[in-house]
Amino acid sequence: MRHALDALAALPRQAWRAALDADGRRRDGAQVAELTRWLPATFVGWPPGMRVIARRERPHPGAQLRITDAHGWRITLFATNTTGGRLADLEVRHRLRARAEDRIRTLKDTGLTNLPLQAFGKNEIWLELAALASELMTWTQLLAWPDHPARNWEPKRLRLRLLSVAARIITSGRRKILRLNRRWPWSDLLISGQRNLIALS
C-alpha cells in the first residue's frame, strides 16, 4: 500500500482523466489515471505487461472515510493486462464486473439462503431453479424498464411493488383479461414494462 500511495503522490495532475459512468457519460467528481510507471519496477513476481489503473472520486457527503482516502479523494486501484484502450473504458469495465457480486447476493432472495433438501442431487436441482429465477428476474428488469430505477431494484422490492399487485382475471368476448388494481402505485410501471417486453418480441 505504501508504494501505491507514494506513486499517487508522484502522479502529475495532468495524468488524471475524466471517469465515465455505466452509460458512457462523464461522471462528475471522478477521475482515472494510469499508475504503472510511477510504481517501483522491482516488484517481485509482477507479470510483464500488467498495468495498474487508479480511480479517484469525491465521497458523497456523510460517507465513512477510509484509511486510503487522500486529500478528500476516495482512491481505488485495479490491475489489468489489457493493452490499449481508453483508461475510462477499462475502469468502467472493471467496475461493472463487481456487479456479479450483487447478483450472487440477490440469489439469496430468490431461494439460495439455504439448501433445503438433504440429498445432493435434489439440492443441485434447487440451485438450478434458484439461478434460473434470478436470471429471469434480472433480464426482465433490464429489458422491461431500461430507463427506470426498477431496472436495479432488489428482488424483495420487486416482489413487493410489482409482483404482488392485486388483480382479477375476467372473461370478455372469449378472451381472458388480467385487470390490475388501478390504485396500486406501481400498476402503470408494470404495464409499461409489459409493453416494452411485447415490443421486443
N, C-alpha and C. Protein backbone atom coordinates (compact mmCIF):
# COMPACT_ATOMS: atom_id res chain seq x y z
N MET A 1 0.83 -1.19 0.00
CA MET A 1 0.00 0.00 0.00
C MET A 1 0.87 1.26 0.00
N ARG A 2 2.00 1.20 0.70
CA ARG A 2 2.87 2.37 0.76
C ARG A 2 3.36 2.76 -0.62
N HIS A 3 3.73 1.73 -1.46
CA HIS A 3 4.20 2.02 -2.82
C HIS A 3 3.11 2.72 -3.63
N ALA A 4 1.86 2.25 -3.48
CA ALA A 4 0.76 2.84 -4.23
C ALA A 4 0.51 4.28 -3.79
N LEU A 5 0.56 4.53 -2.49
CA LEU A 5 0.34 5.90 -2.01
C LEU A 5 1.47 6.84 -2.45
N ASP A 6 2.71 6.32 -2.46
CA ASP A 6 3.83 7.12 -2.96
C ASP A 6 3.66 7.44 -4.44
N ALA A 7 3.21 6.43 -5.21
CA ALA A 7 3.00 6.63 -6.64
C ALA A 7 1.89 7.64 -6.89
N LEU A 8 0.83 7.56 -6.11
CA LEU A 8 -0.27 8.52 -6.26
C LEU A 8 0.20 9.94 -5.97
N ALA A 9 1.06 10.08 -4.96
CA ALA A 9 1.58 11.40 -4.63
C ALA A 9 2.46 11.95 -5.73
N ALA A 10 3.17 11.05 -6.45
CA ALA A 10 4.08 11.48 -7.52
C ALA A 10 3.35 11.71 -8.85
N LEU A 11 2.13 11.27 -8.94
CA LEU A 11 1.37 11.36 -10.19
C LEU A 11 1.09 12.82 -10.53
N PRO A 12 1.47 13.29 -11.73
CA PRO A 12 1.19 14.69 -12.07
C PRO A 12 -0.31 14.94 -12.24
N ARG A 13 -0.72 16.13 -11.96
CA ARG A 13 -2.15 16.48 -12.03
C ARG A 13 -2.73 16.23 -13.42
N GLN A 14 -1.93 16.48 -14.46
CA GLN A 14 -2.46 16.33 -15.83
C GLN A 14 -2.63 14.86 -16.23
N ALA A 15 -2.15 13.92 -15.40
CA ALA A 15 -2.32 12.50 -15.73
C ALA A 15 -3.75 12.03 -15.51
N TRP A 16 -4.52 12.77 -14.71
CA TRP A 16 -5.89 12.36 -14.42
C TRP A 16 -6.83 12.72 -15.56
N ARG A 17 -7.71 11.78 -15.91
CA ARG A 17 -8.71 11.97 -16.96
C ARG A 17 -10.10 11.77 -16.37
N ALA A 18 -11.10 12.33 -17.01
CA ALA A 18 -12.47 12.18 -16.52
C ALA A 18 -12.90 10.71 -16.57
N ALA A 19 -13.57 10.27 -15.52
CA ALA A 19 -14.12 8.91 -15.48
C ALA A 19 -15.52 8.93 -16.10
N LEU A 20 -16.00 7.75 -16.47
CA LEU A 20 -17.31 7.61 -17.10
C LEU A 20 -18.23 6.81 -16.19
N ASP A 21 -19.55 6.99 -16.40
CA ASP A 21 -20.49 6.14 -15.70
C ASP A 21 -20.82 4.93 -16.59
N ALA A 22 -21.73 4.08 -16.13
CA ALA A 22 -22.02 2.83 -16.85
C ALA A 22 -22.61 3.09 -18.23
N ASP A 23 -23.20 4.27 -18.45
CA ASP A 23 -23.80 4.60 -19.75
C ASP A 23 -22.85 5.35 -20.67
N GLY A 24 -21.58 5.48 -20.24
CA GLY A 24 -20.59 6.13 -21.09
C GLY A 24 -20.57 7.65 -20.98
N ARG A 25 -21.32 8.18 -20.03
CA ARG A 25 -21.32 9.63 -19.83
C ARG A 25 -20.27 10.01 -18.79
N ARG A 26 -19.79 11.23 -18.91
CA ARG A 26 -18.79 11.73 -17.96
C ARG A 26 -19.37 11.73 -16.54
N ARG A 27 -18.61 11.17 -15.60
CA ARG A 27 -19.07 11.08 -14.21
C ARG A 27 -18.47 12.25 -13.43
N ASP A 28 -19.34 13.11 -12.90
CA ASP A 28 -18.88 14.28 -12.17
C ASP A 28 -18.10 13.87 -10.92
N GLY A 29 -16.98 14.54 -10.69
CA GLY A 29 -16.21 14.30 -9.48
C GLY A 29 -15.43 13.02 -9.44
N ALA A 30 -15.23 12.38 -10.60
CA ALA A 30 -14.49 11.11 -10.65
C ALA A 30 -13.46 11.18 -11.77
N GLN A 31 -12.27 10.64 -11.51
CA GLN A 31 -11.18 10.68 -12.49
C GLN A 31 -10.40 9.36 -12.46
N VAL A 32 -9.71 9.07 -13.57
CA VAL A 32 -8.87 7.88 -13.66
C VAL A 32 -7.49 8.27 -14.19
N ALA A 33 -6.49 7.47 -13.83
CA ALA A 33 -5.12 7.70 -14.31
C ALA A 33 -4.37 6.37 -14.27
N GLU A 34 -3.39 6.23 -15.14
CA GLU A 34 -2.54 5.04 -15.10
C GLU A 34 -1.38 5.29 -14.14
N LEU A 35 -1.18 4.33 -13.26
CA LEU A 35 -0.21 4.49 -12.18
C LEU A 35 1.06 3.67 -12.42
N THR A 36 1.05 2.83 -13.43
CA THR A 36 2.08 1.81 -13.61
C THR A 36 3.49 2.38 -13.59
N ARG A 37 3.76 3.41 -14.35
CA ARG A 37 5.14 3.90 -14.47
C ARG A 37 5.66 4.59 -13.21
N TRP A 38 4.76 4.92 -12.29
CA TRP A 38 5.20 5.53 -11.03
C TRP A 38 5.37 4.50 -9.90
N LEU A 39 5.06 3.25 -10.19
CA LEU A 39 5.27 2.19 -9.20
C LEU A 39 6.68 1.64 -9.33
N PRO A 40 7.27 1.09 -8.26
CA PRO A 40 8.62 0.51 -8.36
C PRO A 40 8.67 -0.59 -9.41
N ALA A 41 9.71 -0.58 -10.21
CA ALA A 41 9.85 -1.57 -11.28
C ALA A 41 10.37 -2.90 -10.75
N THR A 42 10.63 -2.98 -9.47
CA THR A 42 11.26 -4.17 -8.90
C THR A 42 10.28 -5.06 -8.15
N PHE A 43 8.96 -4.90 -8.41
CA PHE A 43 8.00 -5.78 -7.74
C PHE A 43 8.33 -7.23 -8.07
N VAL A 44 8.46 -8.06 -7.04
CA VAL A 44 8.79 -9.47 -7.24
C VAL A 44 7.57 -10.19 -7.81
N GLY A 45 7.79 -10.90 -8.88
CA GLY A 45 6.71 -11.68 -9.48
C GLY A 45 5.68 -10.88 -10.25
N TRP A 46 5.95 -9.61 -10.50
CA TRP A 46 5.00 -8.77 -11.24
C TRP A 46 5.00 -9.20 -12.70
N PRO A 47 3.87 -9.66 -13.24
CA PRO A 47 3.85 -10.15 -14.63
C PRO A 47 4.14 -9.03 -15.62
N PRO A 48 4.88 -9.34 -16.67
CA PRO A 48 5.13 -8.32 -17.69
C PRO A 48 3.82 -7.89 -18.36
N GLY A 49 3.73 -6.62 -18.65
CA GLY A 49 2.53 -6.09 -19.31
C GLY A 49 1.38 -5.77 -18.37
N MET A 50 1.56 -6.04 -17.08
CA MET A 50 0.49 -5.74 -16.11
C MET A 50 0.46 -4.25 -15.83
N ARG A 51 -0.73 -3.68 -15.85
CA ARG A 51 -0.91 -2.25 -15.62
C ARG A 51 -1.72 -2.02 -14.35
N VAL A 52 -1.46 -0.90 -13.71
CA VAL A 52 -2.25 -0.50 -12.54
C VAL A 52 -2.95 0.81 -12.88
N ILE A 53 -4.26 0.81 -12.71
CA ILE A 53 -5.07 1.99 -13.02
C ILE A 53 -5.73 2.46 -11.73
N ALA A 54 -5.65 3.77 -11.51
CA ALA A 54 -6.22 4.37 -10.30
C ALA A 54 -7.49 5.12 -10.66
N ARG A 55 -8.42 5.10 -9.73
CA ARG A 55 -9.65 5.87 -9.86
C ARG A 55 -9.81 6.67 -8.59
N ARG A 56 -10.16 7.93 -8.73
CA ARG A 56 -10.44 8.74 -7.54
C ARG A 56 -11.78 9.43 -7.71
N GLU A 57 -12.47 9.55 -6.59
CA GLU A 57 -13.80 10.15 -6.61
C GLU A 57 -14.05 10.80 -5.26
N ARG A 58 -14.76 11.91 -5.29
CA ARG A 58 -15.13 12.58 -4.05
C ARG A 58 -16.22 11.75 -3.38
N PRO A 59 -16.01 11.33 -2.12
CA PRO A 59 -17.06 10.58 -1.41
C PRO A 59 -18.30 11.44 -1.24
N HIS A 60 -19.47 10.80 -1.26
CA HIS A 60 -20.69 11.56 -1.05
C HIS A 60 -20.75 12.08 0.39
N PRO A 61 -21.44 13.18 0.63
CA PRO A 61 -21.48 13.76 1.98
C PRO A 61 -21.97 12.73 3.01
N GLY A 62 -21.25 12.64 4.10
CA GLY A 62 -21.62 11.72 5.15
C GLY A 62 -21.02 10.33 5.02
N ALA A 63 -20.29 10.09 3.92
CA ALA A 63 -19.69 8.77 3.72
C ALA A 63 -18.57 8.54 4.72
N GLN A 64 -18.45 7.29 5.15
CA GLN A 64 -17.37 6.92 6.05
C GLN A 64 -16.05 6.96 5.29
N LEU A 65 -15.08 7.71 5.78
CA LEU A 65 -13.80 7.80 5.10
C LEU A 65 -12.96 6.56 5.41
N ARG A 66 -12.07 6.21 4.47
CA ARG A 66 -11.19 5.05 4.64
C ARG A 66 -9.77 5.51 4.84
N ILE A 67 -8.93 4.60 5.31
CA ILE A 67 -7.54 4.96 5.59
C ILE A 67 -6.79 5.31 4.30
N THR A 68 -7.25 4.78 3.17
CA THR A 68 -6.57 5.05 1.91
C THR A 68 -7.08 6.31 1.22
N ASP A 69 -8.10 6.95 1.76
CA ASP A 69 -8.57 8.20 1.17
C ASP A 69 -7.49 9.27 1.35
N ALA A 70 -7.24 10.01 0.28
CA ALA A 70 -6.16 11.00 0.32
C ALA A 70 -6.66 12.35 -0.19
N HIS A 71 -6.46 13.38 0.61
CA HIS A 71 -6.80 14.76 0.23
C HIS A 71 -8.25 14.89 -0.22
N GLY A 72 -9.14 14.19 0.46
CA GLY A 72 -10.57 14.29 0.14
C GLY A 72 -11.02 13.41 -1.00
N TRP A 73 -10.13 12.59 -1.56
CA TRP A 73 -10.47 11.69 -2.66
C TRP A 73 -10.56 10.26 -2.15
N ARG A 74 -11.55 9.52 -2.63
CA ARG A 74 -11.60 8.08 -2.39
C ARG A 74 -10.85 7.41 -3.54
N ILE A 75 -9.83 6.67 -3.21
CA ILE A 75 -8.94 6.07 -4.21
C ILE A 75 -9.20 4.57 -4.29
N THR A 76 -9.34 4.06 -5.51
CA THR A 76 -9.37 2.61 -5.74
C THR A 76 -8.39 2.30 -6.86
N LEU A 77 -7.78 1.14 -6.77
CA LEU A 77 -6.81 0.69 -7.78
C LEU A 77 -7.23 -0.67 -8.30
N PHE A 78 -6.88 -0.95 -9.54
CA PHE A 78 -7.04 -2.30 -10.06
C PHE A 78 -5.93 -2.57 -11.08
N ALA A 79 -5.63 -3.83 -11.25
CA ALA A 79 -4.58 -4.24 -12.19
C ALA A 79 -5.23 -4.94 -13.38
N THR A 80 -4.66 -4.74 -14.56
CA THR A 80 -5.15 -5.39 -15.76
C THR A 80 -3.99 -5.64 -16.71
N ASN A 81 -4.12 -6.67 -17.51
CA ASN A 81 -3.11 -6.91 -18.54
C ASN A 81 -3.64 -6.54 -19.93
N THR A 82 -4.76 -5.81 -19.96
CA THR A 82 -5.32 -5.33 -21.22
C THR A 82 -4.42 -4.23 -21.77
N THR A 83 -4.00 -4.39 -23.00
CA THR A 83 -3.18 -3.35 -23.63
C THR A 83 -4.08 -2.42 -24.43
N GLY A 84 -3.72 -1.15 -24.45
CA GLY A 84 -4.51 -0.19 -25.22
C GLY A 84 -5.85 0.09 -24.56
N GLY A 85 -6.68 0.81 -25.27
CA GLY A 85 -7.99 1.18 -24.75
C GLY A 85 -7.92 2.42 -23.89
N ARG A 86 -9.01 3.17 -23.86
CA ARG A 86 -9.07 4.36 -23.00
C ARG A 86 -9.15 3.93 -21.55
N LEU A 87 -8.45 4.64 -20.69
CA LEU A 87 -8.46 4.32 -19.26
C LEU A 87 -9.87 4.33 -18.70
N ALA A 88 -10.67 5.31 -19.09
CA ALA A 88 -12.02 5.42 -18.57
C ALA A 88 -12.85 4.19 -18.94
N ASP A 89 -12.67 3.68 -20.17
CA ASP A 89 -13.41 2.48 -20.60
C ASP A 89 -12.96 1.25 -19.82
N LEU A 90 -11.66 1.13 -19.59
CA LEU A 90 -11.15 -0.01 -18.82
C LEU A 90 -11.67 0.03 -17.39
N GLU A 91 -11.74 1.22 -16.82
CA GLU A 91 -12.21 1.35 -15.43
C GLU A 91 -13.69 1.01 -15.33
N VAL A 92 -14.50 1.45 -16.29
CA VAL A 92 -15.93 1.11 -16.28
C VAL A 92 -16.11 -0.40 -16.41
N ARG A 93 -15.36 -1.01 -17.32
CA ARG A 93 -15.46 -2.47 -17.49
C ARG A 93 -15.14 -3.19 -16.18
N HIS A 94 -14.09 -2.74 -15.50
CA HIS A 94 -13.71 -3.37 -14.25
C HIS A 94 -14.79 -3.16 -13.18
N ARG A 95 -15.34 -1.96 -13.09
CA ARG A 95 -16.34 -1.66 -12.07
C ARG A 95 -17.63 -2.44 -12.31
N LEU A 96 -18.00 -2.61 -13.58
CA LEU A 96 -19.23 -3.35 -13.88
C LEU A 96 -19.09 -4.82 -13.53
N ARG A 97 -17.87 -5.35 -13.57
CA ARG A 97 -17.69 -6.75 -13.18
C ARG A 97 -18.04 -6.97 -11.72
N ALA A 98 -17.90 -5.94 -10.91
CA ALA A 98 -18.23 -6.07 -9.49
C ALA A 98 -19.71 -6.32 -9.27
N ARG A 99 -20.53 -6.04 -10.29
CA ARG A 99 -21.96 -6.29 -10.15
C ARG A 99 -22.27 -7.77 -10.04
N ALA A 100 -21.32 -8.61 -10.46
CA ALA A 100 -21.53 -10.06 -10.29
C ALA A 100 -21.74 -10.39 -8.82
N GLU A 101 -21.03 -9.69 -7.94
CA GLU A 101 -21.21 -9.93 -6.51
C GLU A 101 -22.61 -9.53 -6.06
N ASP A 102 -23.16 -8.48 -6.65
CA ASP A 102 -24.54 -8.10 -6.33
C ASP A 102 -25.50 -9.20 -6.75
N ARG A 103 -25.25 -9.80 -7.91
CA ARG A 103 -26.14 -10.87 -8.39
C ARG A 103 -26.06 -12.08 -7.49
N ILE A 104 -24.87 -12.38 -7.00
CA ILE A 104 -24.73 -13.50 -6.07
C ILE A 104 -25.52 -13.21 -4.80
N ARG A 105 -25.45 -11.97 -4.32
CA ARG A 105 -26.19 -11.60 -3.13
C ARG A 105 -27.70 -11.72 -3.36
N THR A 106 -28.17 -11.29 -4.52
CA THR A 106 -29.61 -11.35 -4.78
C THR A 106 -30.09 -12.78 -4.98
N LEU A 107 -29.18 -13.69 -5.29
CA LEU A 107 -29.57 -15.10 -5.38
C LEU A 107 -30.16 -15.58 -4.06
N LYS A 108 -29.70 -15.02 -2.96
CA LYS A 108 -30.23 -15.42 -1.66
C LYS A 108 -31.70 -15.04 -1.52
N ASP A 109 -32.12 -13.99 -2.24
CA ASP A 109 -33.52 -13.58 -2.18
C ASP A 109 -34.39 -14.34 -3.18
N THR A 110 -33.77 -15.18 -3.98
CA THR A 110 -34.55 -15.99 -4.93
C THR A 110 -34.41 -17.48 -4.61
N GLY A 111 -34.09 -17.80 -3.35
CA GLY A 111 -34.13 -19.19 -2.93
C GLY A 111 -32.84 -19.80 -2.47
N LEU A 112 -31.74 -19.06 -2.46
CA LEU A 112 -30.47 -19.68 -2.10
C LEU A 112 -29.97 -19.31 -0.71
N THR A 113 -30.86 -18.84 0.15
CA THR A 113 -30.42 -18.58 1.52
C THR A 113 -29.93 -19.87 2.16
N ASN A 114 -30.67 -20.94 1.92
CA ASN A 114 -30.30 -22.27 2.42
C ASN A 114 -30.58 -23.29 1.33
N LEU A 115 -29.86 -24.39 1.38
CA LEU A 115 -30.20 -25.54 0.53
C LEU A 115 -31.14 -26.40 1.37
N PRO A 116 -32.42 -26.49 0.97
CA PRO A 116 -33.44 -27.02 1.88
C PRO A 116 -33.54 -28.55 1.94
N LEU A 117 -32.90 -29.23 1.03
CA LEU A 117 -33.08 -30.68 0.94
C LEU A 117 -31.85 -31.42 1.43
N GLN A 118 -32.01 -32.70 1.73
CA GLN A 118 -30.89 -33.46 2.28
C GLN A 118 -30.00 -34.06 1.20
N ALA A 119 -30.59 -34.48 0.11
CA ALA A 119 -29.81 -35.16 -0.94
C ALA A 119 -29.10 -34.15 -1.83
N PHE A 120 -27.86 -34.46 -2.20
CA PHE A 120 -27.06 -33.56 -3.02
C PHE A 120 -27.75 -33.30 -4.36
N GLY A 121 -28.23 -34.36 -5.01
CA GLY A 121 -28.86 -34.21 -6.33
C GLY A 121 -30.08 -33.32 -6.30
N LYS A 122 -30.87 -33.43 -5.24
CA LYS A 122 -32.06 -32.59 -5.13
C LYS A 122 -31.68 -31.14 -4.89
N ASN A 123 -30.66 -30.91 -4.07
CA ASN A 123 -30.18 -29.54 -3.87
C ASN A 123 -29.58 -28.96 -5.14
N GLU A 124 -29.00 -29.80 -5.96
CA GLU A 124 -28.45 -29.34 -7.24
C GLU A 124 -29.58 -28.81 -8.13
N ILE A 125 -30.70 -29.52 -8.13
CA ILE A 125 -31.86 -29.07 -8.90
C ILE A 125 -32.39 -27.75 -8.32
N TRP A 126 -32.45 -27.69 -6.98
CA TRP A 126 -32.89 -26.45 -6.32
C TRP A 126 -32.01 -25.28 -6.72
N LEU A 127 -30.71 -25.50 -6.75
CA LEU A 127 -29.75 -24.46 -7.14
C LEU A 127 -30.01 -23.99 -8.56
N GLU A 128 -30.24 -24.93 -9.47
CA GLU A 128 -30.52 -24.56 -10.86
C GLU A 128 -31.80 -23.72 -10.97
N LEU A 129 -32.82 -24.11 -10.23
CA LEU A 129 -34.08 -23.37 -10.29
C LEU A 129 -33.93 -21.96 -9.70
N ALA A 130 -33.19 -21.86 -8.60
CA ALA A 130 -32.96 -20.54 -8.00
C ALA A 130 -32.16 -19.65 -8.94
N ALA A 131 -31.15 -20.21 -9.59
CA ALA A 131 -30.35 -19.44 -10.56
C ALA A 131 -31.21 -19.02 -11.75
N LEU A 132 -32.08 -19.91 -12.22
CA LEU A 132 -32.98 -19.58 -13.33
C LEU A 132 -33.93 -18.45 -12.94
N ALA A 133 -34.49 -18.52 -11.72
CA ALA A 133 -35.39 -17.45 -11.25
C ALA A 133 -34.65 -16.12 -11.20
N SER A 134 -33.42 -16.14 -10.71
CA SER A 134 -32.63 -14.90 -10.63
C SER A 134 -32.33 -14.35 -12.02
N GLU A 135 -31.97 -15.23 -12.95
CA GLU A 135 -31.68 -14.79 -14.33
C GLU A 135 -32.93 -14.20 -14.99
N LEU A 136 -34.06 -14.86 -14.83
CA LEU A 136 -35.30 -14.36 -15.43
C LEU A 136 -35.67 -12.99 -14.85
N MET A 137 -35.50 -12.85 -13.55
CA MET A 137 -35.82 -11.58 -12.91
C MET A 137 -34.88 -10.47 -13.41
N THR A 138 -33.59 -10.79 -13.50
CA THR A 138 -32.61 -9.80 -13.93
C THR A 138 -32.86 -9.35 -15.36
N TRP A 139 -33.07 -10.30 -16.27
CA TRP A 139 -33.30 -9.93 -17.68
C TRP A 139 -34.62 -9.21 -17.86
N THR A 140 -35.63 -9.61 -17.09
CA THR A 140 -36.91 -8.90 -17.15
C THR A 140 -36.72 -7.44 -16.76
N GLN A 141 -35.99 -7.21 -15.68
CA GLN A 141 -35.75 -5.83 -15.24
C GLN A 141 -34.99 -5.03 -16.30
N LEU A 142 -33.94 -5.62 -16.86
CA LEU A 142 -33.11 -4.90 -17.83
C LEU A 142 -33.89 -4.55 -19.09
N LEU A 143 -34.75 -5.46 -19.53
CA LEU A 143 -35.47 -5.24 -20.79
C LEU A 143 -36.78 -4.48 -20.61
N ALA A 144 -37.46 -4.70 -19.49
CA ALA A 144 -38.76 -4.07 -19.30
C ALA A 144 -38.65 -2.61 -18.84
N TRP A 145 -37.62 -2.31 -18.05
CA TRP A 145 -37.50 -0.95 -17.51
C TRP A 145 -36.09 -0.41 -17.72
N PRO A 146 -35.67 -0.24 -18.97
CA PRO A 146 -34.28 0.17 -19.23
C PRO A 146 -33.92 1.55 -18.69
N ASP A 147 -34.90 2.44 -18.56
CA ASP A 147 -34.61 3.81 -18.13
C ASP A 147 -35.28 4.16 -16.79
N HIS A 148 -35.64 3.17 -16.03
CA HIS A 148 -36.33 3.41 -14.76
C HIS A 148 -35.52 2.77 -13.63
N PRO A 149 -35.54 3.34 -12.43
CA PRO A 149 -34.82 2.73 -11.31
C PRO A 149 -35.22 1.28 -11.02
N ALA A 150 -36.40 0.86 -11.48
CA ALA A 150 -36.84 -0.52 -11.27
C ALA A 150 -35.86 -1.51 -11.90
N ARG A 151 -35.10 -1.03 -12.86
CA ARG A 151 -34.09 -1.87 -13.51
C ARG A 151 -33.11 -2.44 -12.49
N ASN A 152 -32.86 -1.70 -11.40
CA ASN A 152 -31.86 -2.11 -10.40
C ASN A 152 -32.46 -2.49 -9.05
N TRP A 153 -33.78 -2.61 -8.99
CA TRP A 153 -34.39 -2.97 -7.72
C TRP A 153 -33.96 -4.35 -7.27
N GLU A 154 -33.80 -4.52 -5.97
CA GLU A 154 -33.51 -5.82 -5.37
C GLU A 154 -34.76 -6.69 -5.48
N PRO A 155 -34.59 -8.02 -5.43
CA PRO A 155 -35.77 -8.91 -5.56
C PRO A 155 -36.88 -8.62 -4.55
N LYS A 156 -36.52 -8.30 -3.31
CA LYS A 156 -37.56 -8.03 -2.31
C LYS A 156 -38.43 -6.85 -2.71
N ARG A 157 -37.80 -5.78 -3.17
CA ARG A 157 -38.55 -4.58 -3.59
C ARG A 157 -39.38 -4.89 -4.85
N LEU A 158 -38.80 -5.64 -5.76
CA LEU A 158 -39.52 -6.00 -6.99
C LEU A 158 -40.77 -6.81 -6.66
N ARG A 159 -40.63 -7.77 -5.74
CA ARG A 159 -41.79 -8.57 -5.34
C ARG A 159 -42.85 -7.71 -4.67
N LEU A 160 -42.42 -6.84 -3.76
CA LEU A 160 -43.36 -6.01 -3.02
C LEU A 160 -44.13 -5.05 -3.93
N ARG A 161 -43.43 -4.43 -4.87
CA ARG A 161 -44.05 -3.36 -5.66
C ARG A 161 -44.70 -3.84 -6.96
N LEU A 162 -44.12 -4.85 -7.60
CA LEU A 162 -44.62 -5.22 -8.92
C LEU A 162 -45.21 -6.62 -9.00
N LEU A 163 -44.60 -7.58 -8.32
CA LEU A 163 -45.06 -8.96 -8.49
C LEU A 163 -46.22 -9.33 -7.57
N SER A 164 -46.52 -8.48 -6.60
CA SER A 164 -47.62 -8.80 -5.68
C SER A 164 -48.82 -7.87 -5.86
N VAL A 165 -48.92 -7.27 -7.04
CA VAL A 165 -50.04 -6.37 -7.31
C VAL A 165 -51.35 -7.18 -7.35
N ALA A 166 -52.39 -6.61 -6.74
CA ALA A 166 -53.70 -7.27 -6.76
C ALA A 166 -54.31 -7.16 -8.16
N ALA A 167 -54.96 -8.22 -8.59
CA ALA A 167 -55.55 -8.23 -9.93
C ALA A 167 -56.70 -9.23 -9.97
N ARG A 168 -57.55 -9.09 -11.01
CA ARG A 168 -58.64 -10.05 -11.24
C ARG A 168 -58.55 -10.53 -12.67
N ILE A 169 -58.87 -11.80 -12.87
CA ILE A 169 -58.96 -12.35 -14.22
C ILE A 169 -60.42 -12.33 -14.61
N ILE A 170 -60.72 -11.62 -15.70
CA ILE A 170 -62.11 -11.57 -16.18
C ILE A 170 -62.16 -12.11 -17.60
N THR A 171 -63.34 -12.56 -18.00
CA THR A 171 -63.54 -13.07 -19.35
C THR A 171 -64.45 -12.12 -20.09
N SER A 172 -64.03 -11.73 -21.29
CA SER A 172 -64.83 -10.83 -22.10
C SER A 172 -64.65 -11.21 -23.56
N GLY A 173 -65.76 -11.56 -24.20
CA GLY A 173 -65.69 -11.92 -25.62
C GLY A 173 -64.72 -13.06 -25.86
N ARG A 174 -64.80 -14.10 -25.06
CA ARG A 174 -63.94 -15.29 -25.16
C ARG A 174 -62.46 -15.00 -24.92
N ARG A 175 -62.18 -13.83 -24.38
CA ARG A 175 -60.79 -13.51 -24.04
C ARG A 175 -60.67 -13.38 -22.54
N LYS A 176 -59.54 -13.81 -22.06
CA LYS A 176 -59.25 -13.64 -20.64
C LYS A 176 -58.42 -12.36 -20.48
N ILE A 177 -58.81 -11.54 -19.55
CA ILE A 177 -58.15 -10.24 -19.33
C ILE A 177 -57.72 -10.17 -17.86
N LEU A 178 -56.50 -9.74 -17.66
CA LEU A 178 -55.99 -9.52 -16.31
C LEU A 178 -56.19 -8.05 -15.98
N ARG A 179 -57.07 -7.77 -15.03
CA ARG A 179 -57.37 -6.40 -14.67
C ARG A 179 -56.63 -6.06 -13.37
N LEU A 180 -55.67 -5.16 -13.50
CA LEU A 180 -54.86 -4.76 -12.34
C LEU A 180 -55.60 -3.74 -11.48
N ASN A 181 -55.24 -3.71 -10.23
CA ASN A 181 -55.75 -2.68 -9.32
C ASN A 181 -55.17 -1.34 -9.76
N ARG A 182 -56.02 -0.48 -10.27
CA ARG A 182 -55.56 0.80 -10.82
C ARG A 182 -55.05 1.75 -9.73
N ARG A 183 -55.42 1.49 -8.48
CA ARG A 183 -54.95 2.36 -7.40
C ARG A 183 -53.60 1.92 -6.85
N TRP A 184 -53.09 0.80 -7.31
CA TRP A 184 -51.76 0.35 -6.88
C TRP A 184 -50.73 1.32 -7.44
N PRO A 185 -49.85 1.87 -6.62
CA PRO A 185 -48.96 2.94 -7.10
C PRO A 185 -48.05 2.55 -8.26
N TRP A 186 -47.81 1.24 -8.45
CA TRP A 186 -46.87 0.82 -9.49
C TRP A 186 -47.54 0.08 -10.63
N SER A 187 -48.88 0.17 -10.72
CA SER A 187 -49.58 -0.51 -11.82
C SER A 187 -49.12 0.00 -13.18
N ASP A 188 -48.99 1.32 -13.31
CA ASP A 188 -48.57 1.88 -14.59
C ASP A 188 -47.16 1.43 -14.97
N LEU A 189 -46.31 1.30 -13.96
CA LEU A 189 -44.95 0.83 -14.22
C LEU A 189 -44.97 -0.62 -14.71
N LEU A 190 -45.82 -1.44 -14.11
CA LEU A 190 -45.94 -2.83 -14.53
C LEU A 190 -46.45 -2.92 -15.97
N ILE A 191 -47.43 -2.09 -16.30
CA ILE A 191 -47.98 -2.08 -17.66
C ILE A 191 -46.94 -1.60 -18.66
N SER A 192 -46.19 -0.56 -18.32
CA SER A 192 -45.17 -0.06 -19.26
C SER A 192 -44.08 -1.11 -19.47
N GLY A 193 -43.74 -1.85 -18.41
CA GLY A 193 -42.76 -2.92 -18.56
C GLY A 193 -43.25 -4.02 -19.48
N GLN A 194 -44.53 -4.38 -19.34
CA GLN A 194 -45.11 -5.39 -20.23
C GLN A 194 -45.08 -4.92 -21.69
N ARG A 195 -45.39 -3.66 -21.90
CA ARG A 195 -45.39 -3.12 -23.28
C ARG A 195 -43.98 -3.16 -23.87
N ASN A 196 -42.98 -2.83 -23.04
CA ASN A 196 -41.59 -2.88 -23.53
C ASN A 196 -41.19 -4.30 -23.91
N LEU A 197 -41.62 -5.27 -23.13
CA LEU A 197 -41.29 -6.66 -23.44
C LEU A 197 -42.00 -7.13 -24.70
N ILE A 198 -43.27 -6.74 -24.85
CA ILE A 198 -44.02 -7.12 -26.06
C ILE A 198 -43.39 -6.51 -27.29
N ALA A 199 -42.91 -5.27 -27.17
CA ALA A 199 -42.28 -4.59 -28.32
C ALA A 199 -41.01 -5.32 -28.76
N LEU A 200 -40.36 -6.03 -27.86
CA LEU A 200 -39.14 -6.76 -28.22
C LEU A 200 -39.41 -8.10 -28.88
N SER A 201 -40.64 -8.61 -28.72
CA SER A 201 -40.94 -9.95 -29.24
C SER A 201 -41.29 -9.93 -30.71
